């Protein structure tokens, strides 16, 4: 089956929505009280494709000014990868890494979704699915939480059948032992515990904490122990850490992923489909990781990530991030619910199955 000859994109719509968090949140290096999502809808024939990214609402104007004109009239029968490269090239003077590629991500996701809907196929099959579901881990555990709130959130994920959870660490390291104690009590001995420092530590402190996380709380995932910009530092921590070191959520263009991999900076490469250039960029980054013998973990945006996670052979897990779970449930119909610690794409629905609520 193929898209009907001559089927072209007729129009692109973009909107931005800012959703307050359910309470103030923080990690080691930032504080926030709302989340902004930029939503793209592309139209062709009788179908509408939907994509989005989490970033400043300025990305909406960038999409309208730079990407929408290039997308209108796009022939969906041709290779979307070619369109991806052309759209990326149009951002050269705007700046491709960062907001430029976040804007491109929303458009690319929408185009793939549109193509799948026109084919009347689930997106997982159009992307080349190799599994039926994507393992997830519950993610939140913000440093702003009380110990009671922290324990309730983590225990709630375990009660949903999610066998791995992650908390933020590093804002006030002296407070972290009590937080980690509360986390381990809440989740029991059989649930995997991950920690995320959001680049808060220097190299030596990160190594020391990695040993403590492993010895005292049986943690087995240390995310961004030092800044992602410090490739040598990440490698130093990875070589000295008893637990896996991960980074990649702030990688945008292919060179960002290549730099992480060639520096031997991570044990598992993170990829964010709403930052890396959408589904096309995700598959490119995943292919680079496979060449280096590494698994990939999808960062945030669980609903729009599940289908592509099922199309990557060397996939480890997907971040079921508290803020994005809330936003996606508020804005979209067709959201997937965890079953046995995983998200299973609904193959009865074309595309990724999400619809923007009225």
C-alpha atoms as a PDB file:
ATOM      1  CA  UNK A   1       0.000   0.000   0.000  1.00  0.00           C
ATOM      2  CA  UNK A   2       1.225   3.508  -0.778  1.00  0.00           C
ATOM      3  CA  UNK A   3       0.059   7.066  -0.357  1.00  0.00           C
ATOM      4  CA  UNK A   4      -2.112   8.134  -3.275  1.00  0.00           C
ATOM      5  CA  UNK A   5      -0.095   9.757  -6.053  1.00  0.00           C
ATOM      6  CA  UNK A   6      -0.218  13.508  -5.831  1.00  0.00           C
ATOM      7  CA  UNK A   7      -1.217  13.621  -2.156  1.00  0.00           C
ATOM      8  CA  UNK A   8       0.402  16.755  -0.819  1.00  0.00           C
ATOM      9  CA  UNK A   9       0.309  18.710   2.411  1.00  0.00           C
ATOM     10  CA  UNK A  10      -2.396  21.351   2.121  1.00  0.00           C
ATOM     11  CA  UNK A  11      -1.833  23.346   5.283  1.00  0.00           C
ATOM     12  CA  UNK A  12      -0.026  23.355   8.611  1.00  0.00           C
ATOM     13  CA  UNK A  13      -1.457  24.667  11.877  1.00  0.00           C
ATOM     14  CA  UNK A  14       0.527  25.335  15.029  1.00  0.00           C
ATOM     15  CA  UNK A  15      -0.540  26.227  18.557  1.00  0.00           C
ATOM     16  CA  UNK A  16       1.166  26.569  21.941  1.00  0.00           C
ATOM     17  CA  UNK A  17      -0.338  25.541  25.268  1.00  0.00           C
ATOM     18  CA  UNK A  18       1.095  26.250  28.721  1.00  0.00           C
ATOM     19  CA  UNK A  19      -0.137  23.887  31.441  1.00  0.00           C
ATOM     20  CA  UNK A  20       0.556  24.630  35.135  1.00  0.00           C
ATOM     21  CA  UNK A  21       2.212  21.799  37.063  1.00  0.00           C
ATOM     22  CA  UNK A  22       0.193  20.206  39.849  1.00  0.00           C
ATOM     23  CA  UNK A  23       2.681  21.722  42.317  1.00  0.00           C
ATOM     24  CA  UNK A  24       6.017  23.591  42.041  1.00  0.00           C
ATOM     25  CA  UNK A  25       8.789  21.340  40.730  1.00  0.00           C
ATOM     26  CA  UNK A  26      12.579  21.381  40.635  1.00  0.00           C
ATOM     27  CA  UNK A  27      15.571  19.242  39.808  1.00  0.00           C
ATOM     28  CA  UNK A  28      19.187  19.896  40.719  1.00  0.00           C
ATOM     29  CA  UNK A  29      19.623  22.880  38.429  1.00  0.00           C
ATOM     30  CA  UNK A  30      16.190  24.284  37.471  1.00  0.00           C
ATOM     31  CA  UNK A  31      12.804  25.184  38.992  1.00  0.00           C
ATOM     32  CA  UNK A  32       9.481  25.453  37.124  1.00  0.00           C
ATOM     33  CA  UNK A  33       5.737  25.688  37.659  1.00  0.00           C
ATOM     34  CA  UNK A  34       4.388  25.085  34.153  1.00  0.00           C
ATOM     35  CA  UNK A  35       5.076  23.108  30.992  1.00  0.00           C
ATOM     36  CA  UNK A  36       4.664  24.482  27.447  1.00  0.00           C
ATOM     37  CA  UNK A  37       3.844  22.199  24.532  1.00  0.00           C
ATOM     38  CA  UNK A  38       3.877  23.343  20.898  1.00  0.00           C
ATOM     39  CA  UNK A  39       1.440  21.322  18.770  1.00  0.00           C
ATOM     40  CA  UNK A  40       1.572  20.969  14.989  1.00  0.00           C
ATOM     41  CA  UNK A  41      -1.241  19.647  12.786  1.00  0.00           C
ATOM     42  CA  UNK A  42      -0.662  18.989   9.077  1.00  0.00           C
ATOM     43  CA  UNK A  43      -3.519  18.370   6.638  1.00  0.00           C
ATOM     44  CA  UNK A  44      -3.638  16.306   3.443  1.00  0.00           C
ATOM     45  CA  UNK A  45      -6.705  14.782   1.809  1.00  0.00           C
ATOM     46  CA  UNK A  46      -9.080  13.743   4.560  1.00  0.00           C
ATOM     47  CA  UNK A  47      -6.329  13.126   7.141  1.00  0.00           C
ATOM     48  CA  UNK A  48      -4.618  15.237   9.791  1.00  0.00           C
ATOM     49  CA  UNK A  49      -1.210  14.380  11.243  1.00  0.00           C
ATOM     50  CA  UNK A  50      -0.275  15.560  14.726  1.00  0.00           C
ATOM     51  CA  UNK A  51       3.122  16.279  16.242  1.00  0.00           C
ATOM     52  CA  UNK A  52       4.466  18.255  19.162  1.00  0.00           C
ATOM     53  CA  UNK A  53       7.489  19.343  21.133  1.00  0.00           C
ATOM     54  CA  UNK A  54       8.055  20.677  24.650  1.00  0.00           C
ATOM     55  CA  UNK A  55       9.743  24.076  24.435  1.00  0.00           C
ATOM     56  CA  UNK A  56       9.159  27.834  24.575  1.00  0.00           C
ATOM     57  CA  UNK A  57       6.162  29.098  22.625  1.00  0.00           C
ATOM     58  CA  UNK A  58       8.569  31.056  20.403  1.00  0.00           C
ATOM     59  CA  UNK A  59       8.963  27.771  18.505  1.00  0.00           C
ATOM     60  CA  UNK A  60       5.417  28.237  17.195  1.00  0.00           C
ATOM     61  CA  UNK A  61       6.442  31.389  15.327  1.00  0.00           C
ATOM     62  CA  UNK A  62       9.577  29.661  14.055  1.00  0.00           C
ATOM     63  CA  UNK A  63       7.443  26.867  12.627  1.00  0.00           C
ATOM     64  CA  UNK A  64       5.016  29.312  11.023  1.00  0.00           C
ATOM     65  CA  UNK A  65       7.758  31.495   9.518  1.00  0.00           C
ATOM     66  CA  UNK A  66      10.379  28.949   8.425  1.00  0.00           C
ATOM     67  CA  UNK A  67       8.965  25.433   8.257  1.00  0.00           C
ATOM     68  CA  UNK A  68       5.293  25.766   7.334  1.00  0.00           C
ATOM     69  CA  UNK A  69       5.996  27.375   3.919  1.00  0.00           C
ATOM     70  CA  UNK A  70       8.412  24.541   3.060  1.00  0.00           C
ATOM     71  CA  UNK A  71       5.928  21.866   4.164  1.00  0.00           C
ATOM     72  CA  UNK A  72       2.947  23.136   2.171  1.00  0.00           C
ATOM     73  CA  UNK A  73       2.789  21.222  -1.102  1.00  0.00           C
ATOM     74  CA  UNK A  74       5.115  18.489   0.151  1.00  0.00           C
ATOM     75  CA  UNK A  75       4.487  15.238  -1.744  1.00  0.00           C
ATOM     76  CA  UNK A  76       3.937  12.580   0.907  1.00  0.00           C
ATOM     77  CA  UNK A  77       4.773   9.762  -1.490  1.00  0.00           C
ATOM     78  CA  UNK A  78       8.398  10.781  -1.591  1.00  0.00           C
ATOM     79  CA  UNK A  79      10.891   9.890   1.129  1.00  0.00           C
ATOM     80  CA  UNK A  80      10.233  11.866   4.299  1.00  0.00           C
ATOM     81  CA  UNK A  81      13.930  11.642   5.106  1.00  0.00           C
ATOM     82  CA  UNK A  82      14.667  13.886   2.118  1.00  0.00           C
ATOM     83  CA  UNK A  83      12.155  16.437   3.376  1.00  0.00           C
ATOM     84  CA  UNK A  84      13.763  16.224   6.829  1.00  0.00           C
ATOM     85  CA  UNK A  85      17.167  17.180   5.435  1.00  0.00           C
ATOM     86  CA  UNK A  86      15.679  20.058   3.448  1.00  0.00           C
ATOM     87  CA  UNK A  87      13.807  21.413   6.460  1.00  0.00           C
ATOM     88  CA  UNK A  88      16.965  21.136   8.549  1.00  0.00           C
ATOM     89  CA  UNK A  89      18.941  23.042   5.937  1.00  0.00           C
ATOM     90  CA  UNK A  90      16.358  25.840   6.022  1.00  0.00           C
ATOM     91  CA  UNK A  91      17.228  26.382   9.706  1.00  0.00           C
ATOM     92  CA  UNK A  92      20.936  26.946   9.063  1.00  0.00           C
ATOM     93  CA  UNK A  93      20.980  30.647   9.846  1.00  0.00           C
ATOM     94  CA  UNK A  94      18.348  30.361  12.570  1.00  0.00           C
ATOM     95  CA  UNK A  95      20.362  27.778  14.473  1.00  0.00           C
ATOM     96  CA  UNK A  96      19.705  24.074  14.108  1.00  0.00           C
ATOM     97  CA  UNK A  97      20.664  22.736  17.573  1.00  0.00           C
ATOM     98  CA  UNK A  98      18.188  23.699  20.262  1.00  0.00           C
ATOM     99  CA  UNK A  99      14.868  25.293  19.420  1.00  0.00           C
ATOM    100  CA  UNK A 100      15.411  24.927  15.676  1.00  0.00           C
ATOM    101  CA  UNK A 101      15.472  21.149  15.858  1.00  0.00           C
ATOM    102  CA  UNK A 102      12.697  21.087  18.449  1.00  0.00           C
ATOM    103  CA  UNK A 103      10.494  22.908  15.941  1.00  0.00           C
ATOM    104  CA  UNK A 104      11.587  20.498  13.216  1.00  0.00           C
ATOM    105  CA  UNK A 105      10.799  17.576  15.539  1.00  0.00           C
ATOM    106  CA  UNK A 106       7.151  18.586  15.908  1.00  0.00           C
ATOM    107  CA  UNK A 107       6.786  18.916  12.134  1.00  0.00           C
ATOM    108  CA  UNK A 108       8.519  15.625  11.361  1.00  0.00           C
ATOM    109  CA  UNK A 109       6.365  13.748  13.890  1.00  0.00           C
ATOM    110  CA  UNK A 110       3.241  15.245  12.347  1.00  0.00           C
ATOM    111  CA  UNK A 111       4.341  14.300   8.807  1.00  0.00           C
ATOM    112  CA  UNK A 112       5.013  10.668   9.742  1.00  0.00           C
ATOM    113  CA  UNK A 113       1.689  10.515  11.564  1.00  0.00           C
ATOM    114  CA  UNK A 114      -0.070  11.985   8.528  1.00  0.00           C
ATOM    115  CA  UNK A 115       1.550   9.478   6.186  1.00  0.00           C
ATOM    116  CA  UNK A 116       0.496   6.566   8.413  1.00  0.00           C
ATOM    117  CA  UNK A 117      -3.071   7.876   8.602  1.00  0.00           C
ATOM    118  CA  UNK A 118      -3.267   8.219   4.830  1.00  0.00           C
ATOM    119  CA  UNK A 119      -2.055   4.618   4.578  1.00  0.00           C
ATOM    120  CA  UNK A 120      -4.635   3.662   7.239  1.00  0.00           C
ATOM    121  CA  UNK A 121      -1.834   1.916   9.134  1.00  0.00           C
ATOM    122  CA  UNK A 122      -0.581   2.187  12.730  1.00  0.00           C
ATOM    123  CA  UNK A 123       2.569   4.262  12.855  1.00  0.00           C
ATOM    124  CA  UNK A 124       4.553   1.466  14.537  1.00  0.00           C
ATOM    125  CA  UNK A 125       4.144  -0.650  11.394  1.00  0.00           C
ATOM    126  CA  UNK A 126       4.996   2.195   9.011  1.00  0.00           C
ATOM    127  CA  UNK A 127       8.176   2.853  11.018  1.00  0.00           C
ATOM    128  CA  UNK A 128       9.039  -0.871  10.983  1.00  0.00           C
ATOM    129  CA  UNK A 129       7.989  -2.264  14.347  1.00  0.00           C
ATOM    130  CA  UNK A 130      10.106  -5.019  15.895  1.00  0.00           C
ATOM    131  CA  UNK A 131       8.215  -5.368  19.207  1.00  0.00           C
ATOM    132  CA  UNK A 132       4.679  -4.972  20.486  1.00  0.00           C
ATOM    133  CA  UNK A 133       5.311  -2.720  23.466  1.00  0.00           C
ATOM    134  CA  UNK A 134       7.841  -0.337  24.984  1.00  0.00           C
ATOM    135  CA  UNK A 135       9.060  -0.834  28.564  1.00  0.00           C
ATOM    136  CA  UNK A 136       8.722   2.312  30.655  1.00  0.00           C
ATOM    137  CA  UNK A 137      10.069   3.750  33.894  1.00  0.00           C
ATOM    138  CA  UNK A 138       8.190   6.159  36.157  1.00  0.00           C
ATOM    139  CA  UNK A 139       9.982   9.501  36.278  1.00  0.00           C
ATOM    140  CA  UNK A 140       9.504  12.471  38.596  1.00  0.00           C
ATOM    141  CA  UNK A 141      10.702  12.425  42.188  1.00  0.00           C
ATOM    142  CA  UNK A 142      11.401  16.147  42.075  1.00  0.00           C
ATOM    143  CA  UNK A 143      13.680  17.746  44.648  1.00  0.00           C
ATOM    144  CA  UNK A 144      10.834  20.097  45.627  1.00  0.00           C
ATOM    145  CA  UNK A 145       8.696  17.183  46.813  1.00  0.00           C
ATOM    146  CA  UNK A 146       8.167  16.382  50.471  1.00  0.00           C
ATOM    147  CA  UNK A 147       9.236  12.891  51.498  1.00  0.00           C
ATOM    148  CA  UNK A 148       5.562  11.913  51.706  1.00  0.00           C
ATOM    149  CA  UNK A 149       4.807  13.178  48.188  1.00  0.00           C
ATOM    150  CA  UNK A 150       7.924  11.471  46.866  1.00  0.00           C
ATOM    151  CA  UNK A 151       6.979   8.127  48.411  1.00  0.00           C
ATOM    152  CA  UNK A 152       3.373   8.361  47.229  1.00  0.00           C
ATOM    153  CA  UNK A 153       4.387   9.051  43.640  1.00  0.00           C
ATOM    154  CA  UNK A 154       6.914   6.238  43.446  1.00  0.00           C
ATOM    155  CA  UNK A 155       4.624   3.734  45.179  1.00  0.00           C
ATOM    156  CA  UNK A 156       1.874   4.711  42.750  1.00  0.00           C
ATOM    157  CA  UNK A 157       3.980   3.693  39.779  1.00  0.00           C
ATOM    158  CA  UNK A 158       4.868   0.393  41.384  1.00  0.00           C
ATOM    159  CA  UNK A 159       1.168  -0.220  42.036  1.00  0.00           C
ATOM    160  CA  UNK A 160       0.596   0.333  38.285  1.00  0.00           C
ATOM    161  CA  UNK A 161       3.019  -2.489  37.560  1.00  0.00           C
ATOM    162  CA  UNK A 162       5.959  -0.286  36.557  1.00  0.00           C
ATOM    163  CA  UNK A 163       9.121  -2.079  37.764  1.00  0.00           C
ATOM    164  CA  UNK A 164      11.564   0.845  37.541  1.00  0.00           C
ATOM    165  CA  UNK A 165      11.415   4.459  38.805  1.00  0.00           C
ATOM    166  CA  UNK A 166      13.631   7.551  38.774  1.00  0.00           C
ATOM    167  CA  UNK A 167      14.122  10.486  41.135  1.00  0.00           C
ATOM    168  CA  UNK A 168      16.017  13.769  40.889  1.00  0.00           C
ATOM    169  CA  UNK A 169      19.137  14.241  43.009  1.00  0.00           C
ATOM    170  CA  UNK A 170      21.889  16.804  43.519  1.00  0.00           C
ATOM    171  CA  UNK A 171      20.136  20.084  44.380  1.00  0.00           C
ATOM    172  CA  UNK A 172      20.942  19.632  48.069  1.00  0.00           C
ATOM    173  CA  UNK A 173      23.123  16.524  48.308  1.00  0.00           C
ATOM    174  CA  UNK A 174      22.955  16.456  52.114  1.00  0.00           C
ATOM    175  CA  UNK A 175      19.199  15.889  51.838  1.00  0.00           C
ATOM    176  CA  UNK A 176      19.461  13.114  49.259  1.00  0.00           C
ATOM    177  CA  UNK A 177      20.168  10.168  51.606  1.00  0.00           C
ATOM    178  CA  UNK A 178      16.833  10.706  53.375  1.00  0.00           C
ATOM    179  CA  UNK A 179      15.081  11.045  50.014  1.00  0.00           C
ATOM    180  CA  UNK A 180      16.716   7.893  48.684  1.00  0.00           C
ATOM    181  CA  UNK A 181      15.847   6.011  51.876  1.00  0.00           C
ATOM    182  CA  UNK A 182      12.220   7.065  51.463  1.00  0.00           C
ATOM    183  CA  UNK A 183      12.279   6.033  47.816  1.00  0.00           C
ATOM    184  CA  UNK A 184      13.683   2.585  48.502  1.00  0.00           C
ATOM    185  CA  UNK A 185      11.162   1.951  51.289  1.00  0.00           C
ATOM    186  CA  UNK A 186       8.298   3.083  49.035  1.00  0.00           C
ATOM    187  CA  UNK A 187       9.220   0.880  46.079  1.00  0.00           C
ATOM    188  CA  UNK A 188      10.538  -2.190  47.886  1.00  0.00           C
ATOM    189  CA  UNK A 189      13.613  -4.228  47.080  1.00  0.00           C
ATOM    190  CA  UNK A 190      12.530  -5.612  43.697  1.00  0.00           C
ATOM    191  CA  UNK A 191      11.918  -2.310  41.858  1.00  0.00           C
ATOM    192  CA  UNK A 192      14.828  -0.737  39.980  1.00  0.00           C
ATOM    193  CA  UNK A 193      15.873   2.703  41.231  1.00  0.00           C
ATOM    194  CA  UNK A 194      17.317   5.338  38.874  1.00  0.00           C
ATOM    195  CA  UNK A 195      18.801   8.742  39.762  1.00  0.00           C
ATOM    196  CA  UNK A 196      19.144  11.894  37.661  1.00  0.00           C
ATOM    197  CA  UNK A 197      21.479  14.743  38.668  1.00  0.00           C
ATOM    198  CA  UNK A 198      20.778  16.995  35.650  1.00  0.00           C
ATOM    199  CA  UNK A 199      24.478  17.839  35.415  1.00  0.00           C
ATOM    200  CA  UNK A 200      24.787  19.127  38.987  1.00  0.00           C
ATOM    201  CA  UNK A 201      28.024  17.452  40.103  1.00  0.00           C
ATOM    202  CA  UNK A 202      31.684  17.857  39.299  1.00  0.00           C
ATOM    203  CA  UNK A 203      33.522  14.740  38.191  1.00  0.00           C
ATOM    204  CA  UNK A 204      34.928  13.582  41.518  1.00  0.00           C
ATOM    205  CA  UNK A 205      31.714  14.160  43.447  1.00  0.00           C
ATOM    206  CA  UNK A 206      29.756  12.308  40.762  1.00  0.00           C
ATOM    207  CA  UNK A 207      32.013   9.276  41.087  1.00  0.00           C
ATOM    208  CA  UNK A 208      31.714   9.293  44.870  1.00  0.00           C
ATOM    209  CA  UNK A 209      27.939   9.548  44.715  1.00  0.00           C
ATOM    210  CA  UNK A 210      27.711   6.820  42.079  1.00  0.00           C
ATOM    211  CA  UNK A 211      29.390   4.438  44.496  1.00  0.00           C
ATOM    212  CA  UNK A 212      27.004   5.434  47.295  1.00  0.00           C
ATOM    213  CA  UNK A 213      23.927   5.122  45.072  1.00  0.00           C
ATOM    214  CA  UNK A 214      24.964   1.582  44.221  1.00  0.00           C
ATOM    215  CA  UNK A 215      26.128   0.469  47.665  1.00  0.00           C
ATOM    216  CA  UNK A 216      23.416   2.024  49.853  1.00  0.00           C
ATOM    217  CA  UNK A 217      20.312   2.109  47.642  1.00  0.00           C
ATOM    218  CA  UNK A 218      21.039  -0.421  44.859  1.00  0.00           C
ATOM    219  CA  UNK A 219      20.551   2.220  42.171  1.00  0.00           C
ATOM    220  CA  UNK A 220      21.564   1.079  38.699  1.00  0.00           C
ATOM    221  CA  UNK A 221      21.140   4.173  36.448  1.00  0.00           C
ATOM    222  CA  UNK A 222      22.901   7.524  36.858  1.00  0.00           C
ATOM    223  CA  UNK A 223      21.678  10.157  34.437  1.00  0.00           C
ATOM    224  CA  UNK A 224      23.700  13.279  33.631  1.00  0.00           C
ATOM    225  CA  UNK A 225      26.060  13.049  36.605  1.00  0.00           C
ATOM    226  CA  UNK A 226      27.933  15.999  35.115  1.00  0.00           C
ATOM    227  CA  UNK A 227      26.961  18.434  32.382  1.00  0.00           C
ATOM    228  CA  UNK A 228      26.245  16.813  29.027  1.00  0.00           C
ATOM    229  CA  UNK A 229      28.606  19.388  27.534  1.00  0.00           C
ATOM    230  CA  UNK A 230      31.471  17.825  29.515  1.00  0.00           C
ATOM    231  CA  UNK A 231      32.143  14.774  27.353  1.00  0.00           C
ATOM    232  CA  UNK A 232      35.444  13.985  29.028  1.00  0.00           C
ATOM    233  CA  UNK A 233      33.771  14.292  32.425  1.00  0.00           C
ATOM    234  CA  UNK A 234      30.976  11.921  31.433  1.00  0.00           C
ATOM    235  CA  UNK A 235      33.540   9.424  30.226  1.00  0.00           C
ATOM    236  CA  UNK A 236      35.507   9.754  33.473  1.00  0.00           C
ATOM    237  CA  UNK A 237      32.402   9.084  35.552  1.00  0.00           C
ATOM    238  CA  UNK A 238      31.305   6.215  33.311  1.00  0.00           C
ATOM    239  CA  UNK A 239      34.692   4.515  33.595  1.00  0.00           C
ATOM    240  CA  UNK A 240      34.656   4.862  37.398  1.00  0.00           C
ATOM    241  CA  UNK A 241      30.978   4.258  38.133  1.00  0.00           C
ATOM    242  CA  UNK A 242      29.595   0.894  39.266  1.00  0.00           C
ATOM    243  CA  UNK A 243      26.255   1.784  37.629  1.00  0.00           C
ATOM    244  CA  UNK A 244      25.272   2.764  34.092  1.00  0.00           C
ATOM    245  CA  UNK A 245      25.811   6.386  33.079  1.00  0.00           C
ATOM    246  CA  UNK A 246      23.312   7.893  30.645  1.00  0.00           C
ATOM    247  CA  UNK A 247      22.984  11.166  28.720  1.00  0.00           C
ATOM    248  CA  UNK A 248      21.661  12.419  25.405  1.00  0.00           C
ATOM    249  CA  UNK A 249      18.474  14.310  26.241  1.00  0.00           C
ATOM    250  CA  UNK A 250      20.179  17.547  25.163  1.00  0.00           C
ATOM    251  CA  UNK A 251      21.458  16.122  21.894  1.00  0.00           C
ATOM    252  CA  UNK A 252      19.701  17.669  18.921  1.00  0.00           C
ATOM    253  CA  UNK A 253      21.475  17.269  15.577  1.00  0.00           C
ATOM    254  CA  UNK A 254      23.221  14.035  14.518  1.00  0.00           C
ATOM    255  CA  UNK A 255      26.649  15.466  15.399  1.00  0.00           C
ATOM    256  CA  UNK A 256      25.570  15.812  19.039  1.00  0.00           C
ATOM    257  CA  UNK A 257      24.896  12.075  19.262  1.00  0.00           C
ATOM    258  CA  UNK A 258      28.054  11.208  17.361  1.00  0.00           C
ATOM    259  CA  UNK A 259      30.128  13.296  19.784  1.00  0.00           C
ATOM    260  CA  UNK A 260      28.678  11.472  22.817  1.00  0.00           C
ATOM    261  CA  UNK A 261      29.287   8.079  21.250  1.00  0.00           C
ATOM    262  CA  UNK A 262      32.782   8.750  19.949  1.00  0.00           C
ATOM    263  CA  UNK A 263      33.777  10.076  23.391  1.00  0.00           C
ATOM    264  CA  UNK A 264      32.640   6.785  25.004  1.00  0.00           C
ATOM    265  CA  UNK A 265      30.663   9.036  27.340  1.00  0.00           C
ATOM    266  CA  UNK A 266      27.620   6.840  28.054  1.00  0.00           C
ATOM    267  CA  UNK A 267      26.567   3.272  28.735  1.00  0.00           C
ATOM    268  CA  UNK A 268      23.106   3.931  27.274  1.00  0.00           C
ATOM    269  CA  UNK A 269      22.236   6.731  24.834  1.00  0.00           C
ATOM    270  CA  UNK A 270      19.166   8.830  25.564  1.00  0.00           C
ATOM    271  CA  UNK A 271      17.167  10.222  22.634  1.00  0.00           C
ATOM    272  CA  UNK A 272      14.288  12.695  22.855  1.00  0.00           C
ATOM    273  CA  UNK A 273      11.984  12.423  19.834  1.00  0.00           C
ATOM    274  CA  UNK A 274      10.725  15.986  20.437  1.00  0.00           C
ATOM    275  CA  UNK A 275      14.276  17.403  20.303  1.00  0.00           C
ATOM    276  CA  UNK A 276      16.312  15.223  17.954  1.00  0.00           C
ATOM    277  CA  UNK A 277      14.395  15.941  14.765  1.00  0.00           C
ATOM    278  CA  UNK A 278      11.337  13.758  15.273  1.00  0.00           C
ATOM    279  CA  UNK A 279      10.997  10.168  14.149  1.00  0.00           C
ATOM    280  CA  UNK A 280      13.512  10.600  11.348  1.00  0.00           C
ATOM    281  CA  UNK A 281      16.108  11.991  13.733  1.00  0.00           C
ATOM    282  CA  UNK A 282      15.347   9.349  16.354  1.00  0.00           C
ATOM    283  CA  UNK A 283      15.991   6.525  13.893  1.00  0.00           C
ATOM    284  CA  UNK A 284      19.248   8.189  12.774  1.00  0.00           C
ATOM    285  CA  UNK A 285      20.486   8.530  16.365  1.00  0.00           C
ATOM    286  CA  UNK A 286      19.428   4.983  17.229  1.00  0.00           C
ATOM    287  CA  UNK A 287      21.363   3.677  14.227  1.00  0.00           C
ATOM    288  CA  UNK A 288      24.485   5.476  15.450  1.00  0.00           C
ATOM    289  CA  UNK A 289      24.079   3.899  18.885  1.00  0.00           C
ATOM    290  CA  UNK A 290      23.682   0.465  17.339  1.00  0.00           C
ATOM    291  CA  UNK A 291      26.948   0.943  15.456  1.00  0.00           C
ATOM    292  CA  UNK A 292      28.616   1.567  18.823  1.00  0.00           C
ATOM    293  CA  UNK A 293      26.985  -1.470  20.414  1.00  0.00           C
ATOM    294  CA  UNK A 294      24.783   0.566  22.762  1.00  0.00           C
ATOM    295  CA  UNK A 295      21.117   0.443  23.686  1.00  0.00           C
ATOM    296  CA  UNK A 296      18.945   3.561  23.586  1.00  0.00           C
ATOM    297  CA  UNK A 297      16.487   4.990  26.095  1.00  0.00           C
ATOM    298  CA  UNK A 298      13.754   7.410  25.014  1.00  0.00           C
ATOM    299  CA  UNK A 299      13.572  10.672  26.974  1.00  0.00           C
ATOM    300  CA  UNK A 300      10.116  11.969  27.972  1.00  0.00           C
ATOM    301  CA  UNK A 301       7.057  12.608  25.712  1.00  0.00           C
ATOM    302  CA  UNK A 302       5.818   9.047  26.253  1.00  0.00           C
ATOM    303  CA  UNK A 303       2.731   9.128  24.038  1.00  0.00           C
ATOM    304  CA  UNK A 304       4.492  10.338  20.915  1.00  0.00           C
ATOM    305  CA  UNK A 305       7.528   8.118  21.622  1.00  0.00           C
ATOM    306  CA  UNK A 306       5.929   4.695  22.078  1.00  0.00           C
ATOM    307  CA  UNK A 307       5.597   3.808  18.386  1.00  0.00           C
ATOM    308  CA  UNK A 308       9.193   4.638  17.445  1.00  0.00           C
ATOM    309  CA  UNK A 309      10.497   2.838  20.544  1.00  0.00           C
ATOM    310  CA  UNK A 310       8.835  -0.302  19.194  1.00  0.00           C
ATOM    311  CA  UNK A 311      10.739   0.157  15.925  1.00  0.00           C
ATOM    312  CA  UNK A 312      14.254   0.116  17.461  1.00  0.00           C
ATOM    313  CA  UNK A 313      15.837  -3.321  18.076  1.00  0.00           C
ATOM    314  CA  UNK A 314      18.360  -2.166  20.707  1.00  0.00           C
ATOM    315  CA  UNK A 315      15.831  -0.273  22.837  1.00  0.00           C
ATOM    316  CA  UNK A 316      15.980  -0.367  26.656  1.00  0.00           C
ATOM    317  CA  UNK A 317      13.157   1.775  28.045  1.00  0.00           C
ATOM    318  CA  UNK A 318      11.016   4.905  27.732  1.00  0.00           C
ATOM    319  CA  UNK A 319      10.700   7.664  30.317  1.00  0.00           C
ATOM    320  CA  UNK A 320       7.128   7.944  31.651  1.00  0.00           C
ATOM    321  CA  UNK A 321       7.657  11.513  32.850  1.00  0.00           C
ATOM    322  CA  UNK A 322       5.109  12.883  35.307  1.00  0.00           C
ATOM    323  CA  UNK A 323       4.701  16.336  33.711  1.00  0.00           C
ATOM    324  CA  UNK A 324       4.321  15.043  30.176  1.00  0.00           C
ATOM    325  CA  UNK A 325       1.940  12.289  31.225  1.00  0.00           C
ATOM    326  CA  UNK A 326      -0.331  14.988  32.723  1.00  0.00           C
ATOM    327  CA  UNK A 327      -0.099  17.304  29.716  1.00  0.00           C
ATOM    328  CA  UNK A 328      -0.749  14.538  27.206  1.00  0.00           C
ATOM    329  CA  UNK A 329      -3.748  13.265  29.152  1.00  0.00           C
ATOM    330  CA  UNK A 330      -5.156  16.807  29.339  1.00  0.00           C
ATOM    331  CA  UNK A 331      -4.692  17.664  25.647  1.00  0.00           C
ATOM    332  CA  UNK A 332      -5.127  14.415  23.722  1.00  0.00           C
ATOM    333  CA  UNK A 333      -7.582  11.616  23.176  1.00  0.00           C
ATOM    334  CA  UNK A 334      -6.144   8.182  22.448  1.00  0.00           C
ATOM    335  CA  UNK A 335      -3.441   8.196  25.130  1.00  0.00           C
ATOM    336  CA  UNK A 336      -1.928   4.842  26.040  1.00  0.00           C
ATOM    337  CA  UNK A 337      -2.088   3.527  29.600  1.00  0.00           C
ATOM    338  CA  UNK A 338       0.714   1.406  31.113  1.00  0.00           C
ATOM    339  CA  UNK A 339       0.136  -2.341  31.061  1.00  0.00           C
ATOM    340  CA  UNK A 340       2.642  -4.585  32.840  1.00  0.00           C
ATOM    341  CA  UNK A 341       5.208  -1.805  32.904  1.00  0.00           C
ATOM    342  CA  UNK A 342       4.987  -0.935  29.217  1.00  0.00           C
ATOM    343  CA  UNK A 343       3.100   1.146  26.640  1.00  0.00           C
ATOM    344  CA  UNK A 344       1.568  -0.888  23.826  1.00  0.00           C
ATOM    345  CA  UNK A 345       0.727   0.994  20.595  1.00  0.00           C
ATOM    346  CA  UNK A 346      -2.916   0.597  19.617  1.00  0.00           C
ATOM    347  CA  UNK A 347      -2.770  -1.065  16.217  1.00  0.00           C
ATOM    348  CA  UNK A 348      -6.504  -0.519  15.729  1.00  0.00           C
ATOM    349  CA  UNK A 349      -5.874   3.218  15.252  1.00  0.00           C
ATOM    350  CA  UNK A 350      -4.040   4.739  12.274  1.00  0.00           C
ATOM    351  CA  UNK A 351      -0.934   6.820  12.907  1.00  0.00           C
ATOM    352  CA  UNK A 352       0.079   7.212  16.531  1.00  0.00           C
ATOM    353  CA  UNK A 353      -3.596   7.374  17.478  1.00  0.00           C
ATOM    354  CA  UNK A 354      -3.554  10.748  19.254  1.00  0.00           C
ATOM    355  CA  UNK A 355      -6.220  13.386  18.601  1.00  0.00           C
ATOM    356  CA  UNK A 356      -6.204  16.958  19.922  1.00  0.00           C
ATOM    357  CA  UNK A 357      -9.188  17.464  22.214  1.00  0.00           C
ATOM    358  CA  UNK A 358     -11.628  20.225  21.350  1.00  0.00           C
END
